[in-house]
């Protein structure tokens, strides 16, 4: 079953206004899309250097302490040197 769409039967002035509104909305959407792409490129996170691994088995230091970027991440039990 086919039926006519009411907006196609509208007066020429109303159709023209709808077409202009649709064109303006498409243009605004495209502009927002371009802006979003630019913002994503600007706010990209900087690359981090490789993590620094440290091992301490010195006098006065906790025996077998394992650090990554200065943060204690664990201990190697029974290991006095690497």
N, C-alpha and C. Protein backbone atom coordinates (compact mmCIF):
# COMPACT_ATOMS: atom_id res chain seq x y z
N UNK A 1 0.83 -1.16 0.00
CA UNK A 1 0.00 0.00 0.00
C UNK A 1 0.89 1.25 0.00
N UNK A 2 0.63 2.13 -0.88
CA UNK A 2 1.36 3.39 -0.96
C UNK A 2 0.45 4.52 -0.55
N UNK A 3 1.05 5.48 0.12
CA UNK A 3 0.27 6.67 0.43
C UNK A 3 1.19 7.89 0.32
N UNK A 4 0.61 8.98 0.04
CA UNK A 4 1.36 10.21 -0.14
C UNK A 4 1.82 10.75 1.22
N UNK A 5 3.00 11.29 1.23
CA UNK A 5 3.51 11.90 2.45
C UNK A 5 2.98 13.33 2.53
N UNK A 6 2.47 13.74 3.69
CA UNK A 6 1.83 15.05 3.79
C UNK A 6 2.77 16.22 3.51
N UNK A 7 4.06 16.09 3.81
CA UNK A 7 4.94 17.23 3.59
C UNK A 7 5.19 17.47 2.10
N UNK A 8 4.98 16.46 1.27
CA UNK A 8 5.12 16.66 -0.17
C UNK A 8 3.93 17.42 -0.74
N UNK A 9 2.82 17.37 -0.05
CA UNK A 9 1.62 18.06 -0.50
C UNK A 9 1.54 19.48 0.04
N UNK A 10 2.52 19.90 0.84
CA UNK A 10 2.47 21.23 1.44
C UNK A 10 2.66 22.30 0.38
N UNK A 11 2.34 23.50 0.76
CA UNK A 11 2.50 24.64 -0.14
C UNK A 11 3.98 24.81 -0.48
N UNK A 12 4.30 25.35 -1.65
CA UNK A 12 5.70 25.52 -2.05
C UNK A 12 6.52 26.32 -1.04
N UNK A 13 5.91 27.30 -0.38
CA UNK A 13 6.65 28.10 0.61
C UNK A 13 7.06 27.23 1.81
N UNK A 14 6.15 26.38 2.24
CA UNK A 14 6.43 25.50 3.39
C UNK A 14 7.50 24.48 3.02
N UNK A 15 7.42 23.94 1.80
CA UNK A 15 8.44 22.98 1.36
C UNK A 15 9.80 23.65 1.30
N UNK A 16 9.85 24.88 0.80
CA UNK A 16 11.12 25.61 0.69
C UNK A 16 11.71 25.86 2.07
N UNK A 17 10.86 26.24 3.02
CA UNK A 17 11.34 26.48 4.39
C UNK A 17 11.90 25.20 5.00
N UNK A 18 11.25 24.07 4.76
CA UNK A 18 11.75 22.79 5.29
C UNK A 18 13.08 22.41 4.64
N UNK A 19 13.19 22.64 3.35
CA UNK A 19 14.44 22.33 2.65
C UNK A 19 15.58 23.20 3.17
N UNK A 20 15.31 24.48 3.40
CA UNK A 20 16.34 25.38 3.95
C UNK A 20 16.74 24.95 5.36
N UNK A 21 15.76 24.58 6.17
CA UNK A 21 16.05 24.12 7.54
C UNK A 21 16.89 22.84 7.50
N UNK A 22 16.56 21.92 6.61
CA UNK A 22 17.32 20.67 6.50
C UNK A 22 18.75 20.96 6.05
N UNK A 23 18.91 21.86 5.09
CA UNK A 23 20.25 22.22 4.62
C UNK A 23 21.07 22.85 5.74
N UNK A 24 20.44 23.75 6.50
CA UNK A 24 21.14 24.40 7.61
C UNK A 24 21.54 23.38 8.68
N UNK A 25 20.67 22.43 8.99
CA UNK A 25 20.99 21.41 10.00
C UNK A 25 22.11 20.49 9.53
N UNK A 26 22.10 20.14 8.24
CA UNK A 26 23.20 19.31 7.71
C UNK A 26 24.52 20.05 7.78
N UNK A 27 24.53 21.33 7.43
CA UNK A 27 25.75 22.13 7.48
C UNK A 27 26.26 22.27 8.92
N UNK A 28 25.34 22.49 9.86
CA UNK A 28 25.74 22.59 11.26
C UNK A 28 26.31 21.27 11.75
N UNK A 29 25.71 20.16 11.36
CA UNK A 29 26.23 18.84 11.75
C UNK A 29 27.62 18.60 11.19
N UNK A 30 27.85 18.98 9.94
CA UNK A 30 29.17 18.80 9.33
C UNK A 30 30.21 19.67 10.03
N UNK A 31 29.83 20.90 10.38
CA UNK A 31 30.76 21.78 11.09
C UNK A 31 31.11 21.23 12.47
N UNK A 32 30.12 20.72 13.18
CA UNK A 32 30.39 20.11 14.49
C UNK A 32 31.25 18.87 14.37
N UNK A 33 31.07 18.10 13.32
CA UNK A 33 31.90 16.92 13.09
C UNK A 33 33.36 17.32 12.87
N UNK A 34 33.58 18.36 12.06
CA UNK A 34 34.96 18.83 11.83
C UNK A 34 35.58 19.35 13.12
N UNK A 35 34.81 20.09 13.92
CA UNK A 35 35.31 20.60 15.18
C UNK A 35 35.67 19.46 16.13
N UNK A 36 34.84 18.44 16.20
CA UNK A 36 35.12 17.30 17.07
C UNK A 36 36.41 16.60 16.66
N UNK A 37 36.64 16.45 15.36
CA UNK A 37 37.87 15.82 14.90
C UNK A 37 39.10 16.65 15.27
N UNK A 38 38.99 17.97 15.17
CA UNK A 38 40.12 18.83 15.56
C UNK A 38 40.40 18.73 17.04
N UNK A 39 39.36 18.71 17.86
CA UNK A 39 39.54 18.63 19.31
C UNK A 39 40.16 17.31 19.72
N UNK A 40 39.79 16.24 19.06
CA UNK A 40 40.36 14.93 19.39
C UNK A 40 41.85 14.94 19.11
N UNK A 41 42.24 15.54 18.01
CA UNK A 41 43.67 15.59 17.67
C UNK A 41 44.44 16.44 18.65
N UNK A 42 43.85 17.51 19.16
CA UNK A 42 44.54 18.41 20.08
C UNK A 42 44.75 17.74 21.43
N UNK A 43 43.75 17.01 21.90
CA UNK A 43 43.79 16.45 23.24
C UNK A 43 44.36 15.04 23.30
N UNK A 44 45.09 14.63 22.27
CA UNK A 44 45.68 13.29 22.29
C UNK A 44 46.70 13.21 23.42
N UNK A 45 46.70 12.14 24.18
CA UNK A 45 47.65 12.02 25.29
C UNK A 45 49.08 11.92 24.79
N UNK A 46 49.98 12.53 25.52
CA UNK A 46 51.39 12.46 25.18
C UNK A 46 51.91 11.05 25.43
N UNK A 47 52.88 10.65 24.66
CA UNK A 47 53.45 9.31 24.86
C UNK A 47 54.29 9.29 26.13
N UNK A 48 54.15 8.23 26.88
CA UNK A 48 54.93 8.07 28.11
C UNK A 48 56.21 7.33 27.80
N UNK A 49 57.28 7.68 28.49
CA UNK A 49 58.51 6.91 28.32
C UNK A 49 58.33 5.51 28.92
N UNK A 50 59.20 4.61 28.54
CA UNK A 50 59.15 3.27 29.12
C UNK A 50 59.31 3.36 30.63
N UNK A 51 58.63 2.48 31.38
CA UNK A 51 58.76 2.52 32.83
C UNK A 51 60.18 2.17 33.27
N UNK A 52 60.62 2.81 34.34
CA UNK A 52 61.96 2.55 34.87
C UNK A 52 61.86 1.49 35.96
N UNK A 53 62.55 0.42 35.77
CA UNK A 53 62.56 -0.69 36.74
C UNK A 53 63.78 -0.54 37.63
N UNK A 54 63.57 -0.60 38.94
CA UNK A 54 64.66 -0.48 39.91
C UNK A 54 64.61 -1.66 40.87
N UNK A 55 65.80 -2.13 41.24
CA UNK A 55 65.90 -3.21 42.21
C UNK A 55 66.91 -2.78 43.26
N UNK A 56 66.55 -2.91 44.53
CA UNK A 56 67.45 -2.51 45.60
C UNK A 56 67.82 -3.70 46.46
N UNK A 57 69.11 -3.92 46.59
CA UNK A 57 69.63 -4.92 47.52
C UNK A 57 70.91 -4.37 48.11
N UNK A 58 70.81 -3.18 48.62
CA UNK A 58 71.96 -2.49 49.20
C UNK A 58 71.80 -2.45 50.72
N UNK A 59 72.90 -2.14 51.38
CA UNK A 59 72.85 -2.01 52.84
C UNK A 59 71.89 -0.87 53.19
N UNK A 60 70.99 -1.13 54.07
CA UNK A 60 70.04 -0.12 54.53
C UNK A 60 68.77 -0.07 53.68
N UNK A 61 68.77 -0.67 52.52
CA UNK A 61 67.57 -0.68 51.67
C UNK A 61 66.79 -1.95 51.96
N UNK A 62 65.50 -1.95 51.73
CA UNK A 62 64.73 -3.18 51.94
C UNK A 62 65.24 -4.26 50.97
N UNK A 63 65.58 -5.40 51.50
CA UNK A 63 66.14 -6.48 50.68
C UNK A 63 65.13 -6.96 49.64
N UNK A 64 65.56 -7.01 48.39
CA UNK A 64 64.73 -7.55 47.33
C UNK A 64 63.58 -6.65 46.91
N UNK A 65 63.65 -5.37 47.25
CA UNK A 65 62.56 -4.46 46.89
C UNK A 65 62.60 -4.16 45.40
N UNK A 66 61.44 -4.26 44.75
CA UNK A 66 61.32 -4.02 43.32
C UNK A 66 60.44 -2.79 43.11
N UNK A 67 60.98 -1.80 42.40
CA UNK A 67 60.27 -0.53 42.16
C UNK A 67 60.05 -0.33 40.67
N UNK A 68 58.92 0.28 40.31
CA UNK A 68 58.66 0.71 38.95
C UNK A 68 58.30 2.19 39.04
N UNK A 69 59.09 3.02 38.35
CA UNK A 69 58.91 4.48 38.37
C UNK A 69 58.86 5.02 39.80
N UNK A 70 59.72 4.49 40.67
CA UNK A 70 59.81 4.98 42.03
C UNK A 70 58.75 4.47 42.98
N UNK A 71 57.84 3.64 42.52
CA UNK A 71 56.78 3.09 43.37
C UNK A 71 57.08 1.62 43.68
N UNK A 72 57.03 1.26 44.95
CA UNK A 72 57.26 -0.12 45.35
C UNK A 72 56.14 -0.99 44.80
N UNK A 73 56.53 -2.01 44.01
CA UNK A 73 55.52 -2.90 43.45
C UNK A 73 55.60 -4.30 44.04
N UNK A 74 56.66 -4.61 44.74
CA UNK A 74 56.74 -5.93 45.34
C UNK A 74 58.14 -6.23 45.86
N UNK A 75 58.28 -7.43 46.39
CA UNK A 75 59.58 -7.88 46.90
C UNK A 75 59.88 -9.24 46.31
N UNK A 76 61.14 -9.45 46.03
CA UNK A 76 61.60 -10.75 45.53
C UNK A 76 62.22 -11.49 46.70
N UNK A 77 61.48 -12.41 47.26
CA UNK A 77 61.92 -13.15 48.43
C UNK A 77 63.11 -14.05 48.09
N UNK A 78 64.09 -14.03 48.94
CA UNK A 78 65.26 -14.90 48.77
C UNK A 78 66.26 -14.40 47.74
N UNK A 79 66.03 -13.25 47.15
CA UNK A 79 66.96 -12.71 46.14
C UNK A 79 67.73 -11.59 46.79
N UNK A 80 69.07 -11.70 46.74
CA UNK A 80 69.87 -10.64 47.34
C UNK A 80 70.51 -9.77 46.26
N UNK A 81 70.63 -10.25 45.01
CA UNK A 81 71.14 -9.44 43.92
C UNK A 81 70.64 -9.97 42.59
N UNK A 82 70.57 -9.09 41.62
CA UNK A 82 70.17 -9.47 40.26
C UNK A 82 71.34 -9.38 39.34
